[in-house]
Amino acid sequence: MQHYIATYWNGTAWTDLHSEPLPFRDAEDKATSALLKGCGTTRLRPADQPDHLKTISAEQIAALRAYAVRYGEDWKEYLGIEWQCATAPAPLHRLRNTQGPSWLEGFTLPSSIMGCP
């Protein structure tokens, strides 16, 4: 699950309202509370994920490889749609839950994983 930091504009820079990353609804509550107190413009920013959430398991790599082989060069587009519809195979859906949907945009399978030399 993605976590967020609520921030507000102090006139010159965005300032964090809290230090611990929070689930979306909790961070949204912090931002709303600050807005109601007159802090001005607020927003949520994605928090950096802990290293243990950035790790991809061997099962997930194998599932990504199989998916990419099955769907060809458009595999990311198809997987993104399946993530939105919650119809992706379990290992890939867990990957979406731990890495976040935007992770897929920047991810590239190494050539060796795709079966190329």
PDB file of N, CA and C in Angstrom:
ATOM      1  N   MET A   1       0.846  -1.168   0.000  1.00  0.00           N
ATOM      2  CA  MET A   1       0.000   0.000   0.000  1.00  0.00           C
ATOM      3  C   MET A   1       0.895   1.236   0.000  1.00  0.00           C
ATOM      4  N   GLN A   2       0.564   2.169  -0.864  1.00  0.00           N
ATOM      5  CA  GLN A   2       1.312   3.422  -0.945  1.00  0.00           C
ATOM      6  C   GLN A   2       1.009   4.282   0.281  1.00  0.00           C
ATOM      7  N   HIS A   3       2.026   4.953   0.792  1.00  0.00           N
ATOM      8  CA  HIS A   3       1.855   5.872   1.912  1.00  0.00           C
ATOM      9  C   HIS A   3       2.188   7.288   1.453  1.00  0.00           C
ATOM     10  N   TYR A   4       1.668   8.266   2.199  1.00  0.00           N
ATOM     11  CA  TYR A   4       1.774   9.658   1.789  1.00  0.00           C
ATOM     12  C   TYR A   4       2.185  10.557   2.948  1.00  0.00           C
ATOM     13  N   ILE A   5       2.704  11.723   2.580  1.00  0.00           N
ATOM     14  CA  ILE A   5       3.009  12.789   3.525  1.00  0.00           C
ATOM     15  C   ILE A   5       2.139  13.983   3.121  1.00  0.00           C
ATOM     16  N   ALA A   6       1.381  14.529   4.071  1.00  0.00           N
ATOM     17  CA  ALA A   6       0.597  15.739   3.816  1.00  0.00           C
ATOM     18  C   ALA A   6       1.536  16.936   3.928  1.00  0.00           C
ATOM     19  N   THR A   7       1.435  17.861   2.984  1.00  0.00           N
ATOM     20  CA  THR A   7       2.291  19.045   2.977  1.00  0.00           C
ATOM     21  C   THR A   7       1.441  20.301   2.787  1.00  0.00           C
ATOM     22  N   TYR A   8       2.008  21.444   3.149  1.00  0.00           N
ATOM     23  CA  TYR A   8       1.331  22.715   2.898  1.00  0.00           C
ATOM     24  C   TYR A   8       2.349  23.712   2.350  1.00  0.00           C
ATOM     25  N   TRP A   9       1.842  24.708   1.630  1.00  0.00           N
ATOM     26  CA  TRP A   9       2.693  25.746   1.047  1.00  0.00           C
ATOM     27  C   TRP A   9       2.870  26.854   2.068  1.00  0.00           C
ATOM     28  N   ASN A  10       4.115  27.103   2.490  1.00  0.00           N
ATOM     29  CA  ASN A  10       4.374  28.122   3.515  1.00  0.00           C
ATOM     30  C   ASN A  10       4.702  29.490   2.918  1.00  0.00           C
ATOM     31  N   GLY A  11       4.525  29.631   1.637  1.00  0.00           N
ATOM     32  CA  GLY A  11       4.818  30.893   0.963  1.00  0.00           C
ATOM     33  C   GLY A  11       6.067  30.831   0.115  1.00  0.00           C
ATOM     34  N   THR A  12       6.995  29.942   0.479  1.00  0.00           N
ATOM     35  CA  THR A  12       8.223  29.797  -0.300  1.00  0.00           C
ATOM     36  C   THR A  12       8.535  28.348  -0.659  1.00  0.00           C
ATOM     37  N   ALA A  13       7.994  27.393   0.100  1.00  0.00           N
ATOM     38  CA  ALA A  13       8.287  25.976  -0.155  1.00  0.00           C
ATOM     39  C   ALA A  13       7.194  25.095   0.440  1.00  0.00           C
ATOM     40  N   TRP A  14       7.131  23.854  -0.038  1.00  0.00           N
ATOM     41  CA  TRP A  14       6.203  22.876   0.541  1.00  0.00           C
ATOM     42  C   TRP A  14       6.811  22.348   1.835  1.00  0.00           C
ATOM     43  N   THR A  15       6.025  22.333   2.903  1.00  0.00           N
ATOM     44  CA  THR A  15       6.479  21.904   4.223  1.00  0.00           C
ATOM     45  C   THR A  15       5.646  20.715   4.681  1.00  0.00           C
ATOM     46  N   ASP A  16       6.330  19.690   5.203  1.00  0.00           N
ATOM     47  CA  ASP A  16       5.623  18.497   5.683  1.00  0.00           C
ATOM     48  C   ASP A  16       4.807  18.814   6.928  1.00  0.00           C
ATOM     49  N   LEU A  17       3.609  18.244   7.005  1.00  0.00           N
ATOM     50  CA  LEU A  17       2.750  18.402   8.180  1.00  0.00           C
ATOM     51  C   LEU A  17       2.998  17.312   9.219  1.00  0.00           C
ATOM     52  N   HIS A  18       3.645  16.225   8.816  1.00  0.00           N
ATOM     53  CA  HIS A  18       3.959  15.121   9.730  1.00  0.00           C
ATOM     54  C   HIS A  18       5.173  14.384   9.172  1.00  0.00           C
ATOM     55  N   SER A  19       5.861  13.629  10.031  1.00  0.00           N
ATOM     56  CA  SER A  19       7.092  12.971   9.589  1.00  0.00           C
ATOM     57  C   SER A  19       6.893  11.519   9.171  1.00  0.00           C
ATOM     58  N   GLU A  20       5.923  10.838   9.753  1.00  0.00           N
ATOM     59  CA  GLU A  20       5.699   9.426   9.441  1.00  0.00           C
ATOM     60  C   GLU A  20       4.785   9.278   8.228  1.00  0.00           C
ATOM     61  N   PRO A  21       5.160   8.453   7.242  1.00  0.00           N
ATOM     62  CA  PRO A  21       4.266   8.197   6.112  1.00  0.00           C
ATOM     63  C   PRO A  21       2.964   7.558   6.594  1.00  0.00           C
ATOM     64  N   LEU A  22       1.858   7.978   6.015  1.00  0.00           N
ATOM     65  CA  LEU A  22       0.538   7.498   6.422  1.00  0.00           C
ATOM     66  C   LEU A  22      -0.228   6.952   5.223  1.00  0.00           C
ATOM     67  N   PRO A  23      -1.180   6.027   5.476  1.00  0.00           N
ATOM     68  CA  PRO A  23      -2.074   5.611   4.396  1.00  0.00           C
ATOM     69  C   PRO A  23      -2.820   6.835   3.855  1.00  0.00           C
ATOM     70  N   PHE A  24      -3.315   6.738   2.641  1.00  0.00           N
ATOM     71  CA  PHE A  24      -3.919   7.872   1.949  1.00  0.00           C
ATOM     72  C   PHE A  24      -4.954   8.601   2.792  1.00  0.00           C
ATOM     73  N   ARG A  25      -5.928   7.893   3.332  1.00  0.00           N
ATOM     74  CA  ARG A  25      -7.023   8.556   4.058  1.00  0.00           C
ATOM     75  C   ARG A  25      -6.521   9.308   5.291  1.00  0.00           C
ATOM     76  N   ASP A  26      -5.552   8.732   5.994  1.00  0.00           N
ATOM     77  CA  ASP A  26      -5.011   9.405   7.180  1.00  0.00           C
ATOM     78  C   ASP A  26      -4.238  10.667   6.787  1.00  0.00           C
ATOM     79  N   ALA A  27      -3.441  10.568   5.727  1.00  0.00           N
ATOM     80  CA  ALA A  27      -2.694  11.743   5.258  1.00  0.00           C
ATOM     81  C   ALA A  27      -3.658  12.805   4.731  1.00  0.00           C
ATOM     82  N   GLU A  28      -4.717  12.359   4.070  1.00  0.00           N
ATOM     83  CA  GLU A  28      -5.720  13.298   3.568  1.00  0.00           C
ATOM     84  C   GLU A  28      -6.403  14.028   4.728  1.00  0.00           C
ATOM     85  N   ASP A  29      -6.667  13.308   5.824  1.00  0.00           N
ATOM     86  CA  ASP A  29      -7.254  13.936   7.017  1.00  0.00           C
ATOM     87  C   ASP A  29      -6.331  15.019   7.576  1.00  0.00           C
ATOM     88  N   LYS A  30      -5.021  14.736   7.610  1.00  0.00           N
ATOM     89  CA  LYS A  30      -4.046  15.728   8.096  1.00  0.00           C
ATOM     90  C   LYS A  30      -4.069  16.979   7.211  1.00  0.00           C
ATOM     91  N   ALA A  31      -4.103  16.761   5.896  1.00  0.00           N
ATOM     92  CA  ALA A  31      -4.114  17.893   4.964  1.00  0.00           C
ATOM     93  C   ALA A  31      -5.396  18.706   5.113  1.00  0.00           C
ATOM     94  N   THR A  32      -6.522  18.026   5.245  1.00  0.00           N
ATOM     95  CA  THR A  32      -7.809  18.717   5.406  1.00  0.00           C
ATOM     96  C   THR A  32      -7.837  19.509   6.700  1.00  0.00           C
ATOM     97  N   SER A  33      -7.332  18.916   7.775  1.00  0.00           N
ATOM     98  CA  SER A  33      -7.286  19.591   9.067  1.00  0.00           C
ATOM     99  C   SER A  33      -6.440  20.866   8.978  1.00  0.00           C
ATOM    100  N   ALA A  34      -5.287  20.774   8.319  1.00  0.00           N
ATOM    101  CA  ALA A  34      -4.412  21.943   8.162  1.00  0.00           C
ATOM    102  C   ALA A  34      -5.090  23.017   7.318  1.00  0.00           C
ATOM    103  N   LEU A  35      -5.803  22.596   6.299  1.00  0.00           N
ATOM    104  CA  LEU A  35      -6.519  23.540   5.441  1.00  0.00           C
ATOM    105  C   LEU A  35      -7.584  24.287   6.236  1.00  0.00           C
ATOM    106  N   LEU A  36      -8.300  23.547   7.080  1.00  0.00           N
ATOM    107  CA  LEU A  36      -9.344  24.159   7.902  1.00  0.00           C
ATOM    108  C   LEU A  36      -8.766  25.112   8.952  1.00  0.00           C
ATOM    109  N   LYS A  37      -7.509  24.876   9.359  1.00  0.00           N
ATOM    110  CA  LYS A  37      -6.855  25.752  10.337  1.00  0.00           C
ATOM    111  C   LYS A  37      -6.244  26.982   9.670  1.00  0.00           C
ATOM    112  N   GLY A  38      -6.381  27.076   8.350  1.00  0.00           N
ATOM    113  CA  GLY A  38      -5.883  28.250   7.643  1.00  0.00           C
ATOM    114  C   GLY A  38      -4.455  28.152   7.158  1.00  0.00           C
ATOM    115  N   CYS A  39      -3.937  26.941   7.008  1.00  0.00           N
ATOM    116  CA  CYS A  39      -2.556  26.780   6.537  1.00  0.00           C
ATOM    117  C   CYS A  39      -2.399  27.070   5.046  1.00  0.00           C
ATOM    118  N   GLY A  40      -3.473  27.356   4.355  1.00  0.00           N
ATOM    119  CA  GLY A  40      -3.384  27.636   2.925  1.00  0.00           C
ATOM    120  C   GLY A  40      -3.449  26.367   2.103  1.00  0.00           C
ATOM    121  N   THR A  41      -2.751  26.364   0.995  1.00  0.00           N
ATOM    122  CA  THR A  41      -2.789  25.247   0.062  1.00  0.00           C
ATOM    123  C   THR A  41      -2.107  24.020   0.654  1.00  0.00           C
ATOM    124  N   THR A  42      -2.771  22.876   0.549  1.00  0.00           N
ATOM    125  CA  THR A  42      -2.188  21.614   1.008  1.00  0.00           C
ATOM    126  C   THR A  42      -2.203  20.617  -0.135  1.00  0.00           C
ATOM    127  N   ARG A  43      -1.370  19.608  -0.014  1.00  0.00           N
ATOM    128  CA  ARG A  43      -1.352  18.519  -0.990  1.00  0.00           C
ATOM    129  C   ARG A  43      -0.738  17.292  -0.334  1.00  0.00           C
ATOM    130  N   LEU A  44      -0.874  16.154  -0.999  1.00  0.00           N
ATOM    131  CA  LEU A  44      -0.249  14.914  -0.547  1.00  0.00           C
ATOM    132  C   LEU A  44       0.877  14.578  -1.511  1.00  0.00           C
ATOM    133  N   ARG A  45       1.974  14.091  -0.966  1.00  0.00           N
ATOM    134  CA  ARG A  45       3.053  13.602  -1.827  1.00  0.00           C
ATOM    135  C   ARG A  45       3.325  12.161  -1.447  1.00  0.00           C
ATOM    136  N   PRO A  46       3.630  11.314  -2.426  1.00  0.00           N
ATOM    137  CA  PRO A  46       3.949   9.926  -2.099  1.00  0.00           C
ATOM    138  C   PRO A  46       5.208   9.869  -1.234  1.00  0.00           C
ATOM    139  N   ALA A  47       5.168   9.047  -0.208  1.00  0.00           N
ATOM    140  CA  ALA A  47       6.339   8.859   0.655  1.00  0.00           C
ATOM    141  C   ALA A  47       7.261   7.830   0.020  1.00  0.00           C
ATOM    142  N   ASP A  48       8.542   7.947   0.295  1.00  0.00           N
ATOM    143  CA  ASP A  48       9.477   6.927  -0.168  1.00  0.00           C
ATOM    144  C   ASP A  48       9.126   5.617   0.505  1.00  0.00           C
ATOM    145  N   GLN A  49       9.180   4.542  -0.273  1.00  0.00           N
ATOM    146  CA  GLN A  49       8.861   3.243   0.298  1.00  0.00           C
ATOM    147  C   GLN A  49      10.093   2.653   0.972  1.00  0.00           C
ATOM    148  N   PRO A  50       9.890   1.923   2.070  1.00  0.00           N
ATOM    149  CA  PRO A  50      11.010   1.239   2.706  1.00  0.00           C
ATOM    150  C   PRO A  50      11.636   0.236   1.732  1.00  0.00           C
ATOM    151  N   ASP A  51      12.917  -0.031   1.906  1.00  0.00           N
ATOM    152  CA  ASP A  51      13.627  -0.938   1.004  1.00  0.00           C
ATOM    153  C   ASP A  51      12.970  -2.304   0.900  1.00  0.00           C
ATOM    154  N   HIS A  52      12.411  -2.819   2.007  1.00  0.00           N
ATOM    155  CA  HIS A  52      11.822  -4.159   1.941  1.00  0.00           C
ATOM    156  C   HIS A  52      10.596  -4.195   1.027  1.00  0.00           C
ATOM    157  N   LEU A  53       9.980  -3.047   0.754  1.00  0.00           N
ATOM    158  CA  LEU A  53       8.846  -3.021  -0.168  1.00  0.00           C
ATOM    159  C   LEU A  53       9.294  -2.871  -1.619  1.00  0.00           C
ATOM    160  N   LYS A  54      10.533  -2.442  -1.835  1.00  0.00           N
ATOM    161  CA  LYS A  54      11.031  -2.260  -3.193  1.00  0.00           C
ATOM    162  C   LYS A  54      11.562  -3.561  -3.785  1.00  0.00           C
ATOM    163  N   THR A  55      11.762  -4.571  -2.963  1.00  0.00           N
ATOM    164  CA  THR A  55      12.309  -5.838  -3.411  1.00  0.00           C
ATOM    165  C   THR A  55      11.249  -6.636  -4.162  1.00  0.00           C
ATOM    166  N   ILE A  56      11.651  -7.212  -5.273  1.00  0.00           N
ATOM    167  CA  ILE A  56      10.746  -8.045  -6.060  1.00  0.00           C
ATOM    168  C   ILE A  56      11.177  -9.492  -5.871  1.00  0.00           C
ATOM    169  N   SER A  57      10.229 -10.356  -5.538  1.00  0.00           N
ATOM    170  CA  SER A  57      10.543 -11.765  -5.286  1.00  0.00           C
ATOM    171  C   SER A  57      10.816 -12.500  -6.596  1.00  0.00           C
ATOM    172  N   ALA A  58      11.461 -13.658  -6.485  1.00  0.00           N
ATOM    173  CA  ALA A  58      11.727 -14.497  -7.654  1.00  0.00           C
ATOM    174  C   ALA A  58      10.413 -14.917  -8.310  1.00  0.00           C
ATOM    175  N   GLU A  59       9.402 -15.176  -7.497  1.00  0.00           N
ATOM    176  CA  GLU A  59       8.081 -15.554  -8.024  1.00  0.00           C
ATOM    177  C   GLU A  59       7.494 -14.410  -8.861  1.00  0.00           C
ATOM    178  N   GLN A  60       7.661 -13.181  -8.395  1.00  0.00           N
ATOM    179  CA  GLN A  60       7.127 -12.033  -9.132  1.00  0.00           C
ATOM    180  C   GLN A  60       7.902 -11.789 -10.428  1.00  0.00           C
ATOM    181  N   ILE A  61       9.225 -11.972 -10.387  1.00  0.00           N
ATOM    182  CA  ILE A  61      10.039 -11.836 -11.608  1.00  0.00           C
ATOM    183  C   ILE A  61       9.595 -12.876 -12.628  1.00  0.00           C
ATOM    184  N   ALA A  62       9.405 -14.126 -12.167  1.00  0.00           N
ATOM    185  CA  ALA A  62       8.960 -15.187 -13.077  1.00  0.00           C
ATOM    186  C   ALA A  62       7.581 -14.865 -13.647  1.00  0.00           C
ATOM    187  N   ALA A  63       6.702 -14.340 -12.813  1.00  0.00           N
ATOM    188  CA  ALA A  63       5.354 -13.985 -13.274  1.00  0.00           C
ATOM    189  C   ALA A  63       5.417 -12.837 -14.283  1.00  0.00           C
ATOM    190  N   LEU A  64       6.271 -11.839 -14.033  1.00  0.00           N
ATOM    191  CA  LEU A  64       6.443 -10.731 -14.981  1.00  0.00           C
ATOM    192  C   LEU A  64       6.986 -11.234 -16.316  1.00  0.00           C
ATOM    193  N   ARG A  65       7.963 -12.122 -16.251  1.00  0.00           N
ATOM    194  CA  ARG A  65       8.556 -12.665 -17.472  1.00  0.00           C
ATOM    195  C   ARG A  65       7.510 -13.428 -18.274  1.00  0.00           C
ATOM    196  N   ALA A  66       6.771 -14.306 -17.600  1.00  0.00           N
ATOM    197  CA  ALA A  66       5.741 -15.093 -18.286  1.00  0.00           C
ATOM    198  C   ALA A  66       4.677 -14.175 -18.890  1.00  0.00           C
ATOM    199  N   TYR A  67       4.310 -13.159 -18.157  1.00  0.00           N
ATOM    200  CA  TYR A  67       3.298 -12.211 -18.636  1.00  0.00           C
ATOM    201  C   TYR A  67       3.816 -11.466 -19.866  1.00  0.00           C
ATOM    202  N   ALA A  68       5.068 -11.011 -19.803  1.00  0.00           N
ATOM    203  CA  ALA A  68       5.668 -10.280 -20.921  1.00  0.00           C
ATOM    204  C   ALA A  68       5.783 -11.161 -22.162  1.00  0.00           C
ATOM    205  N   VAL A  69       6.162 -12.416 -21.976  1.00  0.00           N
ATOM    206  CA  VAL A  69       6.264 -13.338 -23.106  1.00  0.00           C
ATOM    207  C   VAL A  69       4.882 -13.564 -23.718  1.00  0.00           C
ATOM    208  N   ARG A  70       3.877 -13.703 -22.880  1.00  0.00           N
ATOM    209  CA  ARG A  70       2.509 -13.970 -23.358  1.00  0.00           C
ATOM    210  C   ARG A  70       1.927 -12.781 -24.132  1.00  0.00           C
ATOM    211  N   TYR A  71       2.148 -11.555 -23.632  1.00  0.00           N
ATOM    212  CA  TYR A  71       1.505 -10.383 -24.228  1.00  0.00           C
ATOM    213  C   TYR A  71       2.412  -9.562 -25.144  1.00  0.00           C
ATOM    214  N   GLY A  72       3.674  -9.931 -25.244  1.00  0.00           N
ATOM    215  CA  GLY A  72       4.563  -9.255 -26.180  1.00  0.00           C
ATOM    216  C   GLY A  72       4.917  -7.831 -25.764  1.00  0.00           C
ATOM    217  N   GLU A  73       5.211  -7.000 -26.754  1.00  0.00           N
ATOM    218  CA  GLU A  73       5.735  -5.665 -26.469  1.00  0.00           C
ATOM    219  C   GLU A  73       4.744  -4.753 -25.749  1.00  0.00           C
ATOM    220  N   ASP A  74       3.463  -5.069 -25.770  1.00  0.00           N
ATOM    221  CA  ASP A  74       2.454  -4.257 -25.077  1.00  0.00           C
ATOM    222  C   ASP A  74       2.113  -4.801 -23.690  1.00  0.00           C
ATOM    223  N   TRP A  75       2.976  -5.642 -23.139  1.00  0.00           N
ATOM    224  CA  TRP A  75       2.649  -6.315 -21.880  1.00  0.00           C
ATOM    225  C   TRP A  75       2.374  -5.349 -20.739  1.00  0.00           C
ATOM    226  N   LYS A  76       3.099  -4.235 -20.690  1.00  0.00           N
ATOM    227  CA  LYS A  76       2.887  -3.270 -19.598  1.00  0.00           C
ATOM    228  C   LYS A  76       1.496  -2.648 -19.683  1.00  0.00           C
ATOM    229  N   GLU A  77       1.065  -2.340 -20.892  1.00  0.00           N
ATOM    230  CA  GLU A  77      -0.268  -1.759 -21.077  1.00  0.00           C
ATOM    231  C   GLU A  77      -1.342  -2.738 -20.593  1.00  0.00           C
ATOM    232  N   TYR A  78      -1.211  -4.007 -20.997  1.00  0.00           N
ATOM    233  CA  TYR A  78      -2.188  -5.016 -20.581  1.00  0.00           C
ATOM    234  C   TYR A  78      -2.169  -5.224 -19.067  1.00  0.00           C
ATOM    235  N   LEU A  79      -0.971  -5.266 -18.500  1.00  0.00           N
ATOM    236  CA  LEU A  79      -0.872  -5.461 -17.054  1.00  0.00           C
ATOM    237  C   LEU A  79      -1.468  -4.273 -16.308  1.00  0.00           C
ATOM    238  N   GLY A  80      -1.220  -3.071 -16.798  1.00  0.00           N
ATOM    239  CA  GLY A  80      -1.813  -1.880 -16.181  1.00  0.00           C
ATOM    240  C   GLY A  80      -3.334  -1.953 -16.162  1.00  0.00           C
ATOM    241  N   ILE A  81      -3.914  -2.432 -17.249  1.00  0.00           N
ATOM    242  CA  ILE A  81      -5.373  -2.584 -17.319  1.00  0.00           C
ATOM    243  C   ILE A  81      -5.839  -3.642 -16.331  1.00  0.00           C
ATOM    244  N   GLU A  82      -5.119  -4.761 -16.276  1.00  0.00           N
ATOM    245  CA  GLU A  82      -5.503  -5.815 -15.326  1.00  0.00           C
ATOM    246  C   GLU A  82      -5.357  -5.338 -13.886  1.00  0.00           C
ATOM    247  N   TRP A  83      -4.374  -4.510 -13.612  1.00  0.00           N
ATOM    248  CA  TRP A  83      -4.238  -3.955 -12.262  1.00  0.00           C
ATOM    249  C   TRP A  83      -5.428  -3.074 -11.928  1.00  0.00           C
ATOM    250  N   GLN A  84      -5.866  -2.260 -12.887  1.00  0.00           N
ATOM    251  CA  GLN A  84      -7.022  -1.392 -12.649  1.00  0.00           C
ATOM    252  C   GLN A  84      -8.292  -2.194 -12.410  1.00  0.00           C
ATOM    253  N   CYS A  85      -8.417  -3.321 -13.107  1.00  0.00           N
ATOM    254  CA  CYS A  85      -9.623  -4.159 -12.987  1.00  0.00           C
ATOM    255  C   CYS A  85      -9.484  -5.218 -11.896  1.00  0.00           C
ATOM    256  N   ALA A  86      -8.324  -5.284 -11.250  1.00  0.00           N
ATOM    257  CA  ALA A  86      -8.039  -6.291 -10.212  1.00  0.00           C
ATOM    258  C   ALA A  86      -8.209  -7.709 -10.743  1.00  0.00           C
ATOM    259  N   THR A  87      -7.742  -7.950 -11.981  1.00  0.00           N
ATOM    260  CA  THR A  87      -7.839  -9.284 -12.576  1.00  0.00           C
ATOM    261  C   THR A  87      -6.471  -9.906 -12.851  1.00  0.00           C
ATOM    262  N   ALA A  88      -5.403  -9.256 -12.417  1.00  0.00           N
ATOM    263  CA  ALA A  88      -4.049  -9.776 -12.650  1.00  0.00           C
ATOM    264  C   ALA A  88      -3.817 -11.017 -11.792  1.00  0.00           C
ATOM    265  N   PRO A  89      -2.931 -11.919 -12.252  1.00  0.00           N
ATOM    266  CA  PRO A  89      -2.575 -13.072 -11.421  1.00  0.00           C
ATOM    267  C   PRO A  89      -2.057 -12.604 -10.052  1.00  0.00           C
ATOM    268  N   ALA A  90      -2.269 -13.422  -9.040  1.00  0.00           N
ATOM    269  CA  ALA A  90      -1.958 -13.044  -7.649  1.00  0.00           C
ATOM    270  C   ALA A  90      -0.546 -12.478  -7.447  1.00  0.00           C
ATOM    271  N   PRO A  91       0.518 -13.132  -7.965  1.00  0.00           N
ATOM    272  CA  PRO A  91       1.856 -12.560  -7.729  1.00  0.00           C
ATOM    273  C   PRO A  91       2.008 -11.158  -8.320  1.00  0.00           C
ATOM    274  N   LEU A  92       1.357 -10.917  -9.447  1.00  0.00           N
ATOM    275  CA  LEU A  92       1.451  -9.602 -10.077  1.00  0.00           C
ATOM    276  C   LEU A  92       0.576  -8.580  -9.366  1.00  0.00           C
ATOM    277  N   HIS A  93      -0.526  -9.024  -8.826  1.00  0.00           N
ATOM    278  CA  HIS A  93      -1.370  -8.094  -8.074  1.00  0.00           C
ATOM    279  C   HIS A  93      -0.676  -7.688  -6.761  1.00  0.00           C
ATOM    280  N   ARG A  94       0.012  -8.647  -6.124  1.00  0.00           N
ATOM    281  CA  ARG A  94       0.779  -8.309  -4.916  1.00  0.00           C
ATOM    282  C   ARG A  94       1.869  -7.291  -5.257  1.00  0.00           C
ATOM    283  N   LEU A  95       2.461  -7.451  -6.429  1.00  0.00           N
ATOM    284  CA  LEU A  95       3.494  -6.519  -6.884  1.00  0.00           C
ATOM    285  C   LEU A  95       2.910  -5.114  -7.018  1.00  0.00           C
ATOM    286  N   ARG A  96       1.713  -5.006  -7.564  1.00  0.00           N
ATOM    287  CA  ARG A  96       1.043  -3.715  -7.681  1.00  0.00           C
ATOM    288  C   ARG A  96       0.791  -3.121  -6.303  1.00  0.00           C
ATOM    289  N   ASN A  97       0.380  -3.960  -5.355  1.00  0.00           N
ATOM    290  CA  ASN A  97       0.070  -3.469  -4.010  1.00  0.00           C
ATOM    291  C   ASN A  97       1.315  -3.007  -3.257  1.00  0.00           C
ATOM    292  N   THR A  98       2.454  -3.651  -3.495  1.00  0.00           N
ATOM    293  CA  THR A  98       3.667  -3.263  -2.769  1.00  0.00           C
ATOM    294  C   THR A  98       4.445  -2.155  -3.471  1.00  0.00           C
ATOM    295  N   GLN A  99       4.462  -2.160  -4.797  1.00  0.00           N
ATOM    296  CA  GLN A  99       5.262  -1.177  -5.538  1.00  0.00           C
ATOM    297  C   GLN A  99       4.456   0.038  -5.975  1.00  0.00           C
ATOM    298  N   GLY A 100       3.156  -0.122  -6.088  1.00  0.00           N
ATOM    299  CA  GLY A 100       2.308   0.970  -6.574  1.00  0.00           C
ATOM    300  C   GLY A 100       2.178   0.914  -8.084  1.00  0.00           C
ATOM    301  N   PRO A 101       1.053   1.368  -8.613  1.00  0.00           N
ATOM    302  CA  PRO A 101       0.820   1.262 -10.050  1.00  0.00           C
ATOM    303  C   PRO A 101       1.797   2.061 -10.906  1.00  0.00           C
ATOM    304  N   SER A 102       2.308   3.173 -10.410  1.00  0.00           N
ATOM    305  CA  SER A 102       3.227   3.982 -11.221  1.00  0.00           C
ATOM    306  C   SER A 102       4.590   3.305 -11.377  1.00  0.00           C
ATOM    307  N   TRP A 103       4.897   2.342 -10.527  1.00  0.00           N
ATOM    308  CA  TRP A 103       6.168   1.624 -10.601  1.00  0.00           C
ATOM    309  C   TRP A 103       6.349   0.980 -11.967  1.00  0.00           C
ATOM    310  N   LEU A 104       5.278   0.468 -12.533  1.00  0.00           N
ATOM    311  CA  LEU A 104       5.352  -0.262 -13.798  1.00  0.00           C
ATOM    312  C   LEU A 104       5.895   0.608 -14.931  1.00  0.00           C
ATOM    313  N   GLU A 105       5.568   1.899 -14.924  1.00  0.00           N
ATOM    314  CA  GLU A 105       6.011   2.800 -15.992  1.00  0.00           C
ATOM    315  C   GLU A 105       7.533   2.839 -16.108  1.00  0.00           C
ATOM    316  N   GLY A 106       8.224   2.852 -14.975  1.00  0.00           N
ATOM    317  CA  GLY A 106       9.678   2.955 -14.994  1.00  0.00           C
ATOM    318  C   GLY A 106      10.405   1.627 -14.996  1.00  0.00           C
ATOM    319  N   PHE A 107       9.664   0.525 -14.896  1.00  0.00           N
ATOM    320  CA  PHE A 107      10.286  -0.792 -14.805  1.00  0.00           C
ATOM    321  C   PHE A 107      10.588  -1.338 -16.193  1.00  0.00           C
ATOM    322  N   THR A 108      11.758  -1.942 -16.337  1.00  0.00           N
ATOM    323  CA  THR A 108      12.132  -2.612 -17.575  1.00  0.00           C
ATOM    324  C   THR A 108      12.676  -3.982 -17.231  1.00  0.00           C
ATOM    325  N   LEU A 109      12.152  -4.998 -17.897  1.00  0.00           N
ATOM    326  CA  LEU A 109      12.701  -6.336 -17.707  1.00  0.00           C
ATOM    327  C   LEU A 109      14.062  -6.391 -18.386  1.00  0.00           C
ATOM    328  N   PRO A 110      15.077  -6.898 -17.697  1.00  0.00           N
ATOM    329  CA  PRO A 110      16.384  -7.050 -18.345  1.00  0.00           C
ATOM    330  C   PRO A 110      16.264  -7.976 -19.555  1.00  0.00           C
ATOM    331  N   SER A 111      17.083  -7.758 -20.583  1.00  0.00           N
ATOM    332  CA  SER A 111      17.035  -8.588 -21.795  1.00  0.00           C
ATOM    333  C   SER A 111      17.181 -10.059 -21.474  1.00  0.00           C
ATOM    334  N   SER A 112      18.044 -10.382 -20.517  1.00  0.00           N
ATOM    335  CA  SER A 112      18.259 -11.787 -20.180  1.00  0.00           C
ATOM    336  C   SER A 112      16.994 -12.419 -19.623  1.00  0.00           C
ATOM    337  N   ILE A 113      16.170 -11.628 -18.937  1.00  0.00           N
ATOM    338  CA  ILE A 113      14.922 -12.163 -18.402  1.00  0.00           C
ATOM    339  C   ILE A 113      13.942 -12.432 -19.534  1.00  0.00           C
ATOM    340  N   MET A 114      13.981 -11.633 -20.588  1.00  0.00           N
ATOM    341  CA  MET A 114      13.073 -11.817 -21.720  1.00  0.00           C
ATOM    342  C   MET A 114      13.530 -12.953 -22.630  1.00  0.00           C
ATOM    343  N   GLY A 115      14.646 -13.582 -22.298  1.00  0.00           N
ATOM    344  CA  GLY A 115      15.118 -14.702 -23.090  1.00  0.00           C
ATOM    345  C   GLY A 115      16.095 -14.289 -24.182  1.00  0.00           C
ATOM    346  N   CYS A 116      16.501 -13.026 -24.216  1.00  0.00           N
ATOM    347  CA  CYS A 116      17.467 -12.553 -25.203  1.00  0.00           C
ATOM    348  C   CYS A 116      18.868 -12.690 -24.617  1.00  0.00           C
ATOM    349  N   PRO A 117      19.871 -12.821 -25.473  1.00  0.00           N
ATOM    350  CA  PRO A 117      21.248 -12.924 -24.948  1.00  0.00           C
ATOM    351  C   PRO A 117      21.732 -11.641 -24.328  1.00  0.00           C
TER     352      PRO A 117
END
